Amino acid sequence: MLQPGVLTLIRERLSNSDATESPPLMVDDLIGKWRGAAVTYFPNSQQPPQTYTSELQVFQTSDREISQELNFGDRKIVSKGKFHHTTIDFSEGTPAVRVLLLPGGASATFPLQITGKQPFFLEAGWLLSPTQRQRLIRRYNQQGEWESLTLVAEEKQE
């Protein structure tokens, strides 16, 4: 059984830029309805990329809990998570995953444990603005082989 390692976020900025640094990502930044488009690429160059629409709705259900509903293509995933400061834990799914809320409006999602014979995914996300977000999702099969890479570009609707 593999345990997730250390995550390092290296924030870069152009030396002569007057751009302000984005604040740390907070749960409140994610609350709402996000719509967008996704494209999935596969390691086999014979398989063409797949494009589809994406809709993610995140809402707070109590002081320390959120629910999310994700619709993409013909799939729907509903999950509930508990949050505390800079983490959200979704323990219902297999495998259970953690979302780290990071500086610069970034996030990282990963399984709490990776066991053999179990598919999993890793996700990096970042806010471009309070109403624009991108996510990069890499999926692995039960042998640990790279299965697909998906880029999602979303806009907040409400």
Protein backbone atom coordinates (compact mmCIF):
# COMPACT_ATOMS: atom_id res chain seq x y z
CA MET A 1 0.00 0.00 0.00
CA LEU A 2 1.41 3.38 -1.02
CA GLN A 3 0.91 6.48 1.10
CA PRO A 4 0.65 9.91 -0.53
CA GLY A 5 3.90 11.86 -0.23
CA VAL A 6 4.69 15.47 0.28
CA LEU A 7 3.19 18.04 -2.07
CA THR A 8 5.27 21.02 -3.09
CA LEU A 9 3.65 24.08 -4.65
CA ILE A 10 6.10 26.43 -6.33
CA ARG A 11 4.47 29.77 -7.01
CA GLU A 12 6.15 31.78 -9.72
CA ARG A 13 5.87 35.41 -10.71
CA LEU A 14 7.51 37.44 -13.45
CA SER A 15 10.20 39.69 -11.98
CA ASN A 16 8.84 42.95 -13.45
CA SER A 17 5.17 42.09 -13.04
CA ASP A 18 2.79 44.22 -11.00
CA ALA A 19 0.31 41.34 -10.75
CA THR A 20 -1.02 40.81 -7.25
CA GLU A 21 -0.74 37.39 -5.69
CA SER A 22 -3.98 35.44 -5.41
CA PRO A 23 -5.11 34.71 -1.86
CA PRO A 24 -5.27 31.13 -0.56
CA LEU A 25 -8.21 29.11 -1.86
CA MET A 26 -11.09 28.92 0.61
CA VAL A 27 -14.17 26.68 0.70
CA ASP A 28 -16.36 29.75 0.07
CA ASP A 29 -14.52 30.30 -3.24
CA LEU A 30 -15.82 26.92 -4.47
CA ILE A 31 -19.46 27.29 -3.37
CA GLY A 32 -21.81 27.75 -6.32
CA LYS A 33 -22.49 26.38 -9.77
CA TRP A 34 -19.60 25.99 -12.21
CA ARG A 35 -20.15 25.26 -15.92
CA GLY A 36 -17.56 24.58 -18.53
CA ALA A 37 -15.98 22.35 -21.10
CA ALA A 38 -13.60 19.45 -20.73
CA VAL A 39 -11.27 17.63 -23.08
CA THR A 40 -9.78 14.23 -22.27
CA TYR A 41 -6.61 12.92 -23.89
CA PHE A 42 -5.49 9.29 -23.90
CA PRO A 43 -1.97 7.80 -24.01
CA ASN A 44 -2.87 5.79 -27.09
CA SER A 45 -2.53 8.24 -29.97
CA GLN A 46 -4.97 6.09 -31.96
CA GLN A 47 -7.80 7.14 -29.64
CA PRO A 48 -8.98 10.69 -30.39
CA PRO A 49 -9.52 13.22 -27.59
CA GLN A 50 -13.05 13.39 -26.15
CA THR A 51 -14.77 16.70 -25.46
CA TYR A 52 -17.84 17.23 -23.33
CA THR A 53 -19.57 19.75 -21.10
CA SER A 54 -19.04 19.86 -17.36
CA GLU A 55 -21.22 21.15 -14.55
CA LEU A 56 -20.16 21.17 -10.90
CA GLN A 57 -22.42 22.39 -8.12
CA VAL A 58 -20.91 22.84 -4.66
CA PHE A 59 -23.00 23.84 -1.66
CA GLN A 60 -22.45 24.02 2.08
CA THR A 61 -24.78 21.76 4.05
CA SER A 62 -23.59 22.52 7.62
CA ASP A 63 -20.81 24.28 9.54
CA ARG A 64 -18.18 21.78 8.39
CA GLU A 65 -19.79 19.90 5.51
CA ILE A 66 -20.24 20.46 1.80
CA SER A 67 -21.93 18.48 -0.95
CA GLN A 68 -21.04 18.46 -4.60
CA GLU A 69 -22.72 17.19 -7.72
CA LEU A 70 -20.58 16.75 -10.82
CA ASN A 71 -22.10 16.11 -14.25
CA PHE A 72 -19.79 15.47 -17.18
CA GLY A 73 -20.65 13.73 -20.39
CA ASP A 74 -23.15 11.04 -19.41
CA ARG A 75 -21.75 10.59 -15.88
CA LYS A 76 -22.97 12.00 -12.58
CA ILE A 77 -21.08 11.91 -9.28
CA VAL A 78 -22.57 13.08 -5.99
CA SER A 79 -20.38 13.29 -2.89
CA LYS A 80 -20.27 14.84 0.57
CA GLY A 81 -17.17 16.14 2.29
CA LYS A 82 -16.08 17.49 5.66
CA PHE A 83 -13.81 20.52 5.70
CA HIS A 84 -11.43 21.94 8.24
CA HIS A 85 -9.30 25.02 7.47
CA THR A 86 -7.28 23.97 4.39
CA THR A 87 -8.62 20.46 3.72
CA ILE A 88 -11.81 18.84 2.47
CA ASP A 89 -12.13 15.07 2.99
CA PHE A 90 -14.52 13.07 0.82
CA SER A 91 -14.66 9.69 2.58
CA GLU A 92 -17.69 8.13 0.84
CA GLY A 93 -15.96 7.08 -2.37
CA THR A 94 -13.43 4.38 -3.05
CA PRO A 95 -10.80 5.53 -2.64
CA ALA A 96 -11.48 8.32 -0.14
CA VAL A 97 -9.91 11.59 -1.33
CA ARG A 98 -8.59 14.77 0.21
CA VAL A 99 -8.67 18.23 -1.37
CA LEU A 100 -5.93 20.58 -0.17
CA LEU A 101 -6.78 24.28 -0.43
CA LEU A 102 -3.50 25.97 -1.27
CA PRO A 103 -2.01 29.46 -1.57
CA GLY A 104 -2.47 31.33 -4.84
CA GLY A 105 -6.01 30.02 -5.36
CA ALA A 106 -4.74 26.50 -6.07
CA SER A 107 -5.99 23.09 -4.97
CA ALA A 108 -4.71 19.51 -5.09
CA THR A 109 -6.88 16.40 -4.88
CA PHE A 110 -5.50 12.94 -4.17
CA PRO A 111 -6.51 9.62 -2.56
CA LEU A 112 -5.89 9.24 1.17
CA GLN A 113 -4.44 5.81 0.37
CA ILE A 114 -3.45 4.11 -2.85
CA THR A 115 -3.77 0.35 -2.74
CA GLY A 116 -2.97 -2.18 -5.44
CA LYS A 117 -5.68 -3.20 -7.90
CA GLN A 118 -7.61 0.04 -7.41
CA PRO A 119 -7.97 2.86 -9.97
CA PHE A 120 -7.40 6.41 -8.73
CA PHE A 121 -7.05 10.01 -9.91
CA LEU A 122 -4.97 13.08 -9.08
CA GLU A 123 -6.21 16.61 -9.67
CA ALA A 124 -4.63 20.07 -9.68
CA GLY A 125 -6.94 23.09 -9.77
CA TRP A 126 -6.48 26.83 -9.78
CA LEU A 127 -8.62 29.95 -9.84
CA LEU A 128 -7.81 32.30 -12.69
CA SER A 129 -10.26 34.81 -11.21
CA PRO A 130 -13.13 34.56 -8.69
CA THR A 131 -15.36 33.32 -11.54
CA GLN A 132 -12.93 31.28 -13.65
CA ARG A 133 -11.32 28.02 -12.69
CA GLN A 134 -9.29 25.30 -14.39
CA ARG A 135 -8.66 21.73 -13.30
CA LEU A 136 -6.23 19.13 -14.61
CA ILE A 137 -7.18 15.52 -13.81
CA ARG A 138 -4.95 12.52 -14.40
CA ARG A 139 -6.52 9.05 -14.09
CA TYR A 140 -4.71 5.78 -13.44
CA ASN A 141 -6.06 2.24 -13.85
CA GLN A 142 -5.90 -0.61 -11.32
CA GLN A 143 -2.35 -1.48 -12.46
CA GLY A 144 -1.19 2.11 -11.81
CA GLU A 145 -0.88 2.87 -15.53
CA TRP A 146 -1.77 6.31 -16.86
CA GLU A 147 -5.24 6.10 -18.42
CA SER A 148 -6.21 9.66 -19.34
CA LEU A 149 -5.60 13.36 -18.81
CA THR A 150 -8.51 15.81 -18.64
CA LEU A 151 -8.44 19.61 -18.72
CA VAL A 152 -11.59 21.32 -17.42
CA ALA A 153 -12.19 25.06 -17.88
CA GLU A 154 -15.11 26.35 -15.81
CA GLU A 155 -16.97 29.59 -15.14
CA LYS A 156 -18.94 30.30 -12.00
CA GLN A 157 -22.64 30.83 -12.75
CA GLU A 158 -23.92 31.94 -9.36
